[in-house]
Amino acid sequence: SILSNVFAGFYGVSFTQIDWLSMVYMVAYVPLILPATWLLDARGLRLTALLGAGLNALGAWLKCGSLAPQRYPLTLAAQAVCAVAQVFILGLPSRIASVWFGPTEVSTACAVAVLGNQLGTAIGFLLPPVLVPNTPNDIDLMAHNISIMFYGTAIVSTLLFFLAGVVFEEKPKYPPSHSQAVLQTKPPEDYSYKQSIINLFKNIPFILLLISYGIMTGAFYSVSTLLNQMIVTHYEGEEVNAGRIGLTLVVAGMVGSIICGLWLDYTKTYKSTTLIVYILSFIGLLVFTFTLDLGYLIVVFVTGGVLGFFMTGYLPLGFEFAVEITYPESEGTSSGLLNASAQIFGIIFTLVQGKLTTDYSPRAGNIFLCAWIFVGIILTALIKSDLRRHNVNSGIMNLDVKAVPVDSPVEPESTTLKIQSAL
């Protein structure tokens, strides 16, 4: 999407059709998230990661066959395969962090895992404008440049698939935390994926977080997808700088993610940190909106960096907050539902903001997002902060605690305090 004007010219299609190369990721996620989270719970981390990496490589190679102006449908189909792949990848960070890392490092580990997704996005902003300059008068040269980008992506994706196959292990020999030890004592036959989903949707704090996370992350998706159009509207011919601004936005977000992860591990102040970052994201988007047309690219770089720091830094906060308030439900399921919410809001926001940007101005589209983020602030403030996983790890609950199925009889509290999935 950062080269939307270049690819619209190459394939001879509209900007909306180019936007769909990004939005197909969001569309694919929603119907596939439940099967993907079921697979993660039933078959584990390793198989899920390999499936995601393998499909990503397959989609990248299919895209290499679309290097001609009339082959937009093949590019879209290849993007759809990659979109299916990311369904299996996006829910892994919080699960990997919980399974492999202890209480004092779990949030940082989740932030680092989320960092990988942001790193790919950063590369996606940086390299394409350099590899594929706009050469509207030489389509053959444009096709050659696009081929370098497509084949390079395919080779890297294939190497990552084989690397995951060699080094990726299911879980450590010993549980890294008391909360993980509790979950591992639960017999597999007692687990019900359907009941887990029901429990999550009965959890009011989680529902509030589900909506507020969707608003924030969907807004970030929309801004990222439409950044090229916003920049080129006010700064004609600045496609390369649009990519650099996108890179600044994402790299600043990578820093924000790590800082937020470290802060959570140190303070365990999940709700207050999430709310503060939400408010600062709102302020950042307002400043970005009303300074975009001043005529100074350096201002856009600075405001974009601030916006990215807080909006992207929010991602691991949402994952970890969800795990805390939904324990002992599966981390993959809660984070998967958060991502599904983000995709739904991302589709709606991208379509509406794109229409407002095209018909009116980038400012109109950004004000639309600001109004929704303000709603997200209110919803975040209403979330009850019940840190269940932290309480187990801290020994606030009985040391003999163990997870049991919802329908199991409850023993007297004097003997054992049991955590029920229905909590």
Protein backbone atom coordinates (compact mmCIF):
# COMPACT_ATOMS: atom_id res chain seq x y z
CA SER A 1 0.00 0.00 0.00
CA ILE A 2 2.96 2.35 0.45
CA LEU A 3 3.36 2.13 -3.36
CA SER A 4 -0.35 2.41 -4.11
CA ASN A 5 0.11 4.94 -6.92
CA VAL A 6 2.87 2.83 -8.55
CA PHE A 7 0.91 -0.43 -8.48
CA ALA A 8 -2.34 1.23 -9.51
CA GLY A 9 -0.53 2.41 -12.63
CA PHE A 10 1.25 -0.91 -13.22
CA TYR A 11 -1.85 -3.10 -12.99
CA GLY A 12 -4.20 -0.49 -14.44
CA VAL A 13 -6.59 -0.65 -11.49
CA SER A 14 -8.08 1.81 -8.99
CA PHE A 15 -6.63 2.84 -5.63
CA THR A 16 -9.45 0.94 -3.95
CA GLN A 17 -8.37 -2.28 -5.67
CA ILE A 18 -4.79 -1.70 -4.51
CA ASP A 19 -6.07 -1.08 -0.97
CA TRP A 20 -7.71 -4.51 -1.15
CA LEU A 21 -4.22 -6.06 -1.41
CA SER A 22 -3.85 -4.90 2.19
CA MET A 23 -7.45 -5.35 3.32
CA VAL A 24 -7.53 -9.00 2.17
CA TYR A 25 -5.42 -9.70 5.27
CA MET A 26 -8.16 -8.26 7.44
CA VAL A 27 -10.96 -10.04 5.57
CA ALA A 28 -9.27 -13.46 5.75
CA TYR A 29 -8.59 -13.17 9.45
CA VAL A 30 -12.17 -12.88 10.67
CA PRO A 31 -13.65 -16.21 9.44
CA LEU A 32 -10.42 -18.17 10.02
CA ILE A 33 -9.50 -17.03 13.51
CA LEU A 34 -11.60 -19.63 15.34
CA PRO A 35 -10.19 -22.61 13.36
CA ALA A 36 -6.68 -21.18 13.81
CA THR A 37 -7.00 -20.76 17.58
CA TRP A 38 -8.52 -24.23 17.84
CA LEU A 39 -5.49 -25.62 15.99
CA LEU A 40 -3.16 -23.73 18.35
CA ASP A 41 -4.92 -25.20 21.40
CA ALA A 42 -5.31 -28.70 19.98
CA ARG A 43 -2.00 -29.18 18.11
CA GLY A 44 0.30 -26.68 19.78
CA LEU A 45 2.75 -23.91 18.93
CA ARG A 46 5.11 -25.74 16.59
CA LEU A 47 2.56 -26.99 14.04
CA THR A 48 0.76 -23.65 14.02
CA ALA A 49 3.98 -21.71 13.43
CA LEU A 50 5.11 -24.06 10.66
CA LEU A 51 1.74 -23.84 8.92
CA GLY A 52 1.83 -20.04 9.02
CA ALA A 53 5.43 -19.84 7.78
CA GLY A 54 4.80 -22.41 5.03
CA LEU A 55 1.71 -20.68 3.66
CA ASN A 56 3.50 -17.33 3.76
CA ALA A 57 6.31 -18.75 1.60
CA LEU A 58 3.79 -20.32 -0.81
CA GLY A 59 1.95 -17.02 -1.24
CA ALA A 60 5.21 -15.18 -1.83
CA TRP A 61 6.18 -17.58 -4.65
CA LEU A 62 2.72 -17.34 -6.23
CA LYS A 63 3.12 -13.58 -6.31
CA CYS A 64 6.25 -14.00 -8.43
CA GLY A 65 3.96 -15.21 -11.24
CA SER A 66 2.04 -11.91 -11.34
CA LEU A 67 4.73 -9.73 -12.91
CA ALA A 68 2.62 -8.40 -15.76
CA PRO A 69 0.05 -5.55 -15.91
CA GLN A 70 -2.92 -7.85 -16.59
CA ARG A 71 -2.21 -10.15 -13.64
CA TYR A 72 -3.75 -8.21 -10.76
CA PRO A 73 -6.11 -11.13 -9.92
CA LEU A 74 -3.11 -13.44 -9.41
CA THR A 75 -1.46 -10.91 -7.12
CA LEU A 76 -4.67 -10.65 -5.11
CA ALA A 77 -4.92 -14.46 -4.90
CA ALA A 78 -1.29 -14.70 -3.72
CA GLN A 79 -1.97 -12.01 -1.13
CA ALA A 80 -4.96 -14.06 0.03
CA VAL A 81 -2.71 -17.08 0.65
CA CYS A 82 -0.34 -14.90 2.70
CA ALA A 83 -3.39 -13.49 4.50
CA VAL A 84 -4.38 -17.01 5.55
CA ALA A 85 -0.81 -17.55 6.78
CA GLN A 86 -0.90 -14.53 9.08
CA VAL A 87 -3.98 -15.90 10.84
CA PHE A 88 -1.72 -18.59 12.30
CA ILE A 89 1.08 -16.15 13.16
CA LEU A 90 -0.57 -13.11 14.76
CA GLY A 91 -1.92 -15.00 17.77
CA LEU A 92 1.41 -16.54 18.75
CA PRO A 93 3.19 -13.75 20.73
CA SER A 94 1.20 -13.94 23.96
CA ARG A 95 1.09 -17.76 23.84
CA ILE A 96 4.86 -18.08 23.28
CA ALA A 97 5.53 -15.56 26.05
CA SER A 98 3.32 -17.41 28.55
CA VAL A 99 4.61 -20.90 27.67
CA TRP A 100 8.31 -20.06 27.62
CA PHE A 101 8.86 -17.09 29.99
CA GLY A 102 8.48 -16.42 33.71
CA PRO A 103 6.34 -13.78 35.47
CA THR A 104 9.06 -11.10 35.49
CA GLU A 105 9.73 -11.30 31.75
CA VAL A 106 6.48 -12.43 30.14
CA SER A 107 5.27 -8.98 29.04
CA THR A 108 8.67 -8.07 27.63
CA ALA A 109 8.79 -11.38 25.75
CA CYS A 110 5.35 -10.69 24.28
CA ALA A 111 6.49 -7.21 23.23
CA VAL A 112 9.59 -8.63 21.53
CA ALA A 113 7.47 -11.20 19.67
CA VAL A 114 5.08 -8.46 18.52
CA LEU A 115 8.20 -6.56 17.49
CA GLY A 116 8.79 -9.13 14.74
CA ASN A 117 5.50 -8.22 13.08
CA GLN A 118 6.37 -4.54 13.31
CA LEU A 119 9.83 -5.19 11.90
CA GLY A 120 8.28 -6.75 8.81
CA THR A 121 6.00 -3.74 8.46
CA ALA A 122 8.98 -1.40 8.85
CA ILE A 123 10.84 -3.21 6.06
CA GLY A 124 7.65 -2.98 4.00
CA PHE A 125 7.72 0.80 4.34
CA LEU A 126 11.47 1.15 3.75
CA LEU A 127 12.43 -1.17 0.89
CA PRO A 128 9.58 -1.05 -1.68
CA PRO A 129 9.90 2.69 -2.47
CA VAL A 130 13.65 2.15 -2.95
CA LEU A 131 13.34 -1.07 -4.97
CA VAL A 132 10.38 0.11 -7.07
CA PRO A 133 10.68 3.80 -8.00
CA ASN A 134 7.79 5.26 -9.95
CA THR A 135 8.65 4.86 -13.67
CA PRO A 136 5.28 5.32 -15.40
CA ASN A 137 6.91 5.73 -18.84
CA ASP A 138 8.84 2.45 -18.64
CA ILE A 139 6.57 -0.45 -17.64
CA ASP A 140 9.26 -3.05 -18.43
CA LEU A 141 11.65 -1.43 -15.98
CA MET A 142 8.85 -1.23 -13.40
CA ALA A 143 8.13 -4.96 -13.87
CA HIS A 144 11.84 -5.75 -13.42
CA ASN A 145 12.00 -3.72 -10.20
CA ILE A 146 8.85 -5.37 -8.86
CA SER A 147 10.34 -8.80 -9.64
CA ILE A 148 13.34 -8.02 -7.43
CA MET A 149 11.01 -7.22 -4.55
CA PHE A 150 8.76 -10.26 -5.11
CA TYR A 151 11.57 -12.81 -5.51
CA GLY A 152 13.48 -11.37 -2.57
CA THR A 153 10.41 -11.72 -0.36
CA ALA A 154 9.87 -15.31 -1.53
CA ILE A 155 13.46 -16.34 -0.78
CA VAL A 156 13.41 -14.79 2.70
CA SER A 157 10.01 -16.38 3.48
CA THR A 158 11.27 -19.80 2.41
CA LEU A 159 14.40 -19.51 4.56
CA LEU A 160 12.26 -18.56 7.56
CA PHE A 161 10.04 -21.57 7.00
CA PHE A 162 12.99 -23.97 7.06
CA LEU A 163 14.53 -22.16 10.03
CA ALA A 164 11.28 -22.52 12.00
CA GLY A 165 11.24 -26.23 11.17
CA VAL A 166 14.76 -26.70 12.54
CA VAL A 167 14.70 -24.62 15.75
CA PHE A 168 11.06 -24.26 16.86
CA GLU A 169 10.21 -26.35 19.94
CA GLU A 170 6.79 -26.87 21.49
CA LYS A 171 7.49 -25.97 25.13
CA PRO A 172 10.29 -25.99 27.73
CA LYS A 173 11.03 -29.05 29.83
CA TYR A 174 9.72 -27.36 32.99
CA PRO A 175 6.93 -24.74 33.26
CA PRO A 176 8.44 -21.24 33.71
CA SER A 177 5.71 -19.97 36.07
CA HIS A 178 3.19 -21.16 38.61
CA SER A 179 0.31 -20.11 36.35
CA GLN A 180 1.66 -22.36 33.56
CA ALA A 181 2.22 -25.22 35.98
CA VAL A 182 -1.42 -24.90 37.06
CA LEU A 183 -2.65 -25.10 33.47
CA GLN A 184 -0.45 -28.10 32.67
CA THR A 185 -1.99 -30.11 35.53
CA LYS A 186 -5.39 -29.93 33.83
CA PRO A 187 -6.17 -33.16 31.90
CA PRO A 188 -6.53 -32.46 28.13
CA GLU A 189 -9.89 -34.22 28.01
CA ASP A 190 -11.31 -31.63 30.44
CA TYR A 191 -10.65 -28.79 28.00
CA SER A 192 -13.53 -27.54 25.83
CA TYR A 193 -12.70 -25.02 23.10
CA LYS A 194 -16.38 -24.14 22.71
CA GLN A 195 -16.74 -23.52 26.43
CA SER A 196 -13.60 -21.39 26.41
CA ILE A 197 -15.11 -19.14 23.71
CA ILE A 198 -18.36 -18.88 25.67
CA ASN A 199 -16.46 -17.96 28.83
CA LEU A 200 -14.58 -15.21 27.00
CA PHE A 201 -17.75 -13.66 25.62
CA LYS A 202 -19.31 -13.71 29.10
CA ASN A 203 -16.33 -11.78 30.47
CA ILE A 204 -17.45 -8.12 30.39
CA PRO A 205 -13.96 -6.60 30.95
CA PHE A 206 -12.69 -8.69 28.04
CA ILE A 207 -15.54 -7.54 25.78
CA LEU A 208 -14.70 -3.90 26.57
CA LEU A 209 -11.05 -4.59 25.81
CA LEU A 210 -12.03 -6.46 22.63
CA ILE A 211 -13.82 -3.38 21.26
CA SER A 212 -11.25 -0.82 22.44
CA TYR A 213 -8.34 -2.89 21.08
CA GLY A 214 -10.14 -3.24 17.76
CA ILE A 215 -10.64 0.52 17.53
CA MET A 216 -7.01 1.39 18.26
CA THR A 217 -5.38 -1.28 16.12
CA GLY A 218 -7.91 -0.88 13.31
CA ALA A 219 -7.12 2.84 13.25
CA PHE A 220 -3.40 2.03 12.99
CA TYR A 221 -4.07 -0.38 10.10
CA SER A 222 -6.09 2.30 8.32
CA VAL A 223 -3.44 5.00 8.78
CA SER A 224 -0.72 2.61 7.56
CA THR A 225 -2.71 1.55 4.49
CA LEU A 226 -3.63 5.10 3.46
CA LEU A 227 -0.37 6.82 4.44
CA ASN A 228 0.87 7.01 0.84
CA GLN A 229 -2.34 8.71 -0.32
CA MET A 230 -2.28 11.16 2.60
CA ILE A 231 1.35 12.16 2.04
CA VAL A 232 1.17 12.38 -1.78
CA THR A 233 -1.98 14.53 -1.54
CA HIS A 234 -0.04 17.29 0.24
CA TYR A 235 3.50 16.50 -0.96
CA GLU A 236 3.36 15.48 -4.62
CA GLY A 237 6.12 13.17 -5.83
CA GLU A 238 7.26 12.26 -2.32
CA GLU A 239 6.60 8.50 -2.51
CA VAL A 240 10.02 7.66 -1.06
CA ASN A 241 9.54 10.02 1.86
CA ALA A 242 6.07 8.54 2.41
CA GLY A 243 7.78 5.19 2.87
CA ARG A 244 10.30 6.75 5.23
CA ILE A 245 7.53 8.33 7.26
CA GLY A 246 5.84 4.93 7.49
CA LEU A 247 9.17 3.46 8.58
CA THR A 248 9.52 6.16 11.24
CA LEU A 249 6.00 5.41 12.46
CA VAL A 250 6.70 1.68 12.81
CA VAL A 251 10.26 1.93 14.22
CA ALA A 252 9.02 4.37 16.86
CA GLY A 253 6.28 1.84 17.60
CA MET A 254 8.87 -0.91 18.02
CA VAL A 255 10.60 1.19 20.65
CA GLY A 256 7.24 1.90 22.26
CA SER A 257 6.40 -1.81 22.38
CA ILE A 258 9.62 -2.73 24.18
CA ILE A 259 9.29 0.13 26.66
CA CYS A 260 5.67 -0.77 27.40
CA GLY A 261 6.59 -4.45 27.83
CA LEU A 262 9.42 -3.65 30.23
CA TRP A 263 7.17 -1.26 32.14
CA LEU A 264 4.44 -3.89 32.55
CA ASP A 265 6.91 -6.49 33.84
CA TYR A 266 8.25 -3.95 36.34
CA THR A 267 4.97 -2.43 37.58
CA LYS A 268 2.11 -4.80 36.58
CA THR A 269 -0.03 -1.66 36.10
CA TYR A 270 -1.95 -3.05 33.14
CA LYS A 271 -5.06 -0.87 33.11
CA SER A 272 -3.46 2.48 33.92
CA THR A 273 -0.67 1.96 31.38
CA THR A 274 -3.15 0.89 28.70
CA LEU A 275 -5.39 3.91 29.38
CA ILE A 276 -2.50 6.41 29.37
CA VAL A 277 -1.11 5.04 26.09
CA TYR A 278 -4.62 5.20 24.59
CA ILE A 279 -5.01 8.86 25.57
CA LEU A 280 -1.56 9.76 24.23
CA SER A 281 -2.37 7.98 20.95
CA PHE A 282 -5.49 10.13 20.64
CA ILE A 283 -3.47 13.29 21.22
CA GLY A 284 -0.80 12.09 18.76
CA LEU A 285 -3.38 11.50 16.00
CA LEU A 286 -4.92 14.93 16.58
CA VAL A 287 -1.52 16.62 16.24
CA PHE A 288 -0.69 14.52 13.14
CA THR A 289 -4.05 15.45 11.58
CA PHE A 290 -3.75 19.20 11.99
CA THR A 291 -0.06 19.49 11.05
CA LEU A 292 -0.12 17.22 7.97
CA ASP A 293 -0.81 20.06 5.51
CA LEU A 294 1.63 22.64 6.90
CA GLY A 295 4.08 21.99 4.07
CA TYR A 296 6.99 20.78 6.22
CA LEU A 297 7.86 17.11 5.80
CA ILE A 298 10.05 17.18 8.91
CA VAL A 299 6.94 17.97 10.97
CA VAL A 300 5.19 14.94 9.47
CA PHE A 301 8.20 12.76 10.34
CA VAL A 302 8.09 13.92 13.98
CA THR A 303 4.32 13.66 14.44
CA GLY A 304 4.25 10.30 12.64
CA GLY A 305 6.97 9.01 14.96
CA VAL A 306 5.08 10.12 18.07
CA LEU A 307 1.86 8.60 16.72
CA GLY A 308 3.58 5.29 15.96
CA PHE A 309 5.30 5.17 19.35
CA PHE A 310 1.98 5.11 21.19
CA MET A 311 -0.36 3.38 18.70
CA THR A 312 2.00 0.47 18.03
CA GLY A 313 3.25 0.40 21.61
CA TYR A 314 -0.35 -0.37 22.56
CA LEU A 315 -0.33 -3.79 20.80
CA PRO A 316 1.49 -5.86 23.45
CA LEU A 317 -0.39 -3.98 26.18
CA GLY A 318 -3.69 -5.23 24.78
CA PHE A 319 -2.45 -8.82 24.45
CA GLU A 320 -1.05 -8.99 27.97
CA PHE A 321 -4.01 -7.22 29.58
CA ALA A 322 -6.33 -9.73 27.89
CA VAL A 323 -4.32 -12.70 29.19
CA GLU A 324 -4.48 -11.29 32.71
CA ILE A 325 -8.24 -10.70 32.82
CA THR A 326 -9.16 -13.97 31.07
CA TYR A 327 -6.82 -16.49 32.80
CA PRO A 328 -7.02 -19.51 32.73
CA GLU A 329 -8.45 -19.33 29.20
CA SER A 330 -6.04 -19.91 26.31
CA GLU A 331 -3.74 -16.99 25.48
CA GLY A 332 -4.00 -17.86 21.78
CA THR A 333 -7.79 -17.63 21.83
CA SER A 334 -7.96 -14.28 23.62
CA SER A 335 -5.27 -12.69 21.45
CA GLY A 336 -6.84 -14.21 18.33
CA LEU A 337 -10.18 -12.61 19.13
CA LEU A 338 -8.44 -9.28 19.76
CA ASN A 339 -6.81 -9.52 16.34
CA ALA A 340 -10.15 -10.43 14.73
CA SER A 341 -11.68 -7.30 16.25
CA ALA A 342 -8.75 -5.28 14.89
CA GLN A 343 -9.28 -6.69 11.39
CA ILE A 344 -13.01 -5.89 11.42
CA PHE A 345 -12.44 -2.32 12.56
CA GLY A 346 -9.48 -2.07 10.17
CA ILE A 347 -11.65 -2.96 7.17
CA ILE A 348 -14.36 -0.49 8.14
CA PHE A 349 -11.93 2.29 9.01
CA THR A 350 -9.85 1.82 5.84
CA LEU A 351 -12.91 1.90 3.58
CA VAL A 352 -14.49 4.91 5.30
CA GLN A 353 -11.24 6.86 5.79
CA GLY A 354 -10.23 6.10 2.20
CA LYS A 355 -13.56 7.43 0.92
CA LEU A 356 -13.31 10.57 3.07
CA THR A 357 -9.69 11.11 2.01
CA THR A 358 -10.54 10.77 -1.69
CA ASP A 359 -13.77 12.78 -1.67
CA TYR A 360 -12.79 15.48 0.84
CA SER A 361 -9.30 15.52 2.35
CA PRO A 362 -6.91 13.50 4.53
CA ARG A 363 -7.97 15.71 7.46
CA ALA A 364 -11.59 14.55 7.19
CA GLY A 365 -10.51 10.90 7.27
CA ASN A 366 -8.23 11.41 10.26
CA ILE A 367 -10.88 13.30 12.24
CA PHE A 368 -13.16 10.29 11.69
CA LEU A 369 -10.51 8.08 13.34
CA CYS A 370 -9.99 10.56 16.19
CA ALA A 371 -13.68 10.36 17.09
CA TRP A 372 -13.52 6.57 17.31
CA ILE A 373 -10.34 6.57 19.38
CA PHE A 374 -12.05 8.90 21.85
CA VAL A 375 -14.79 6.25 22.20
CA GLY A 376 -12.02 3.69 22.84
CA ILE A 377 -10.66 5.81 25.68
CA ILE A 378 -14.04 5.73 27.41
CA LEU A 379 -14.35 1.96 26.99
CA THR A 380 -10.83 1.38 28.33
CA ALA A 381 -11.60 3.46 31.40
CA LEU A 382 -14.58 1.17 32.13
CA ILE A 383 -12.52 -2.06 32.15
CA LYS A 384 -12.28 -3.71 35.57
CA SER A 385 -8.66 -4.64 36.24
CA ASP A 386 -8.76 -8.20 37.61
CA LEU A 387 -5.22 -9.55 37.23
CA ARG A 388 -5.90 -13.27 37.60
CA ARG A 389 -2.66 -14.65 36.18
CA HIS A 390 -0.61 -12.22 38.26
CA ASN A 391 -2.52 -13.22 41.39
CA VAL A 392 -1.72 -16.90 40.80
CA ASN A 393 1.96 -16.20 40.15
CA SER A 394 2.16 -13.97 43.23
CA GLY A 395 0.68 -16.63 45.49
CA ILE A 396 -2.29 -14.43 46.38
CA MET A 397 -4.40 -17.49 45.67
CA ASN A 398 -3.86 -20.79 47.44
CA LEU A 399 -0.57 -22.45 46.45
CA ASP A 400 -2.43 -25.67 45.73
CA VAL A 401 -4.50 -23.94 43.05
CA LYS A 402 -5.28 -25.88 39.91
CA ALA A 403 -7.50 -25.41 36.88
CA VAL A 404 -10.64 -27.51 36.61
CA PRO A 405 -13.41 -27.71 34.01
CA VAL A 406 -16.46 -25.53 34.52
CA ASP A 407 -18.81 -28.40 35.26
CA SER A 408 -16.59 -30.05 37.89
CA PRO A 409 -17.77 -30.00 41.50
CA VAL A 410 -16.01 -27.45 43.70
CA GLU A 411 -14.22 -28.79 46.74
CA PRO A 412 -14.40 -26.92 50.03
CA GLU A 413 -12.16 -23.83 49.97
CA SER A 414 -10.39 -25.00 53.10
CA THR A 415 -8.91 -27.86 51.11
CA THR A 416 -8.14 -26.34 47.73
CA LEU A 417 -8.87 -23.09 45.94
CA LYS A 418 -9.71 -23.94 42.37
CA ILE A 419 -9.76 -21.61 39.42
CA GLN A 420 -12.70 -22.25 37.18
CA SER A 421 -12.67 -21.35 33.54
CA ALA A 422 -15.97 -19.57 34.02
CA LEU A 423 -14.38 -16.90 36.21
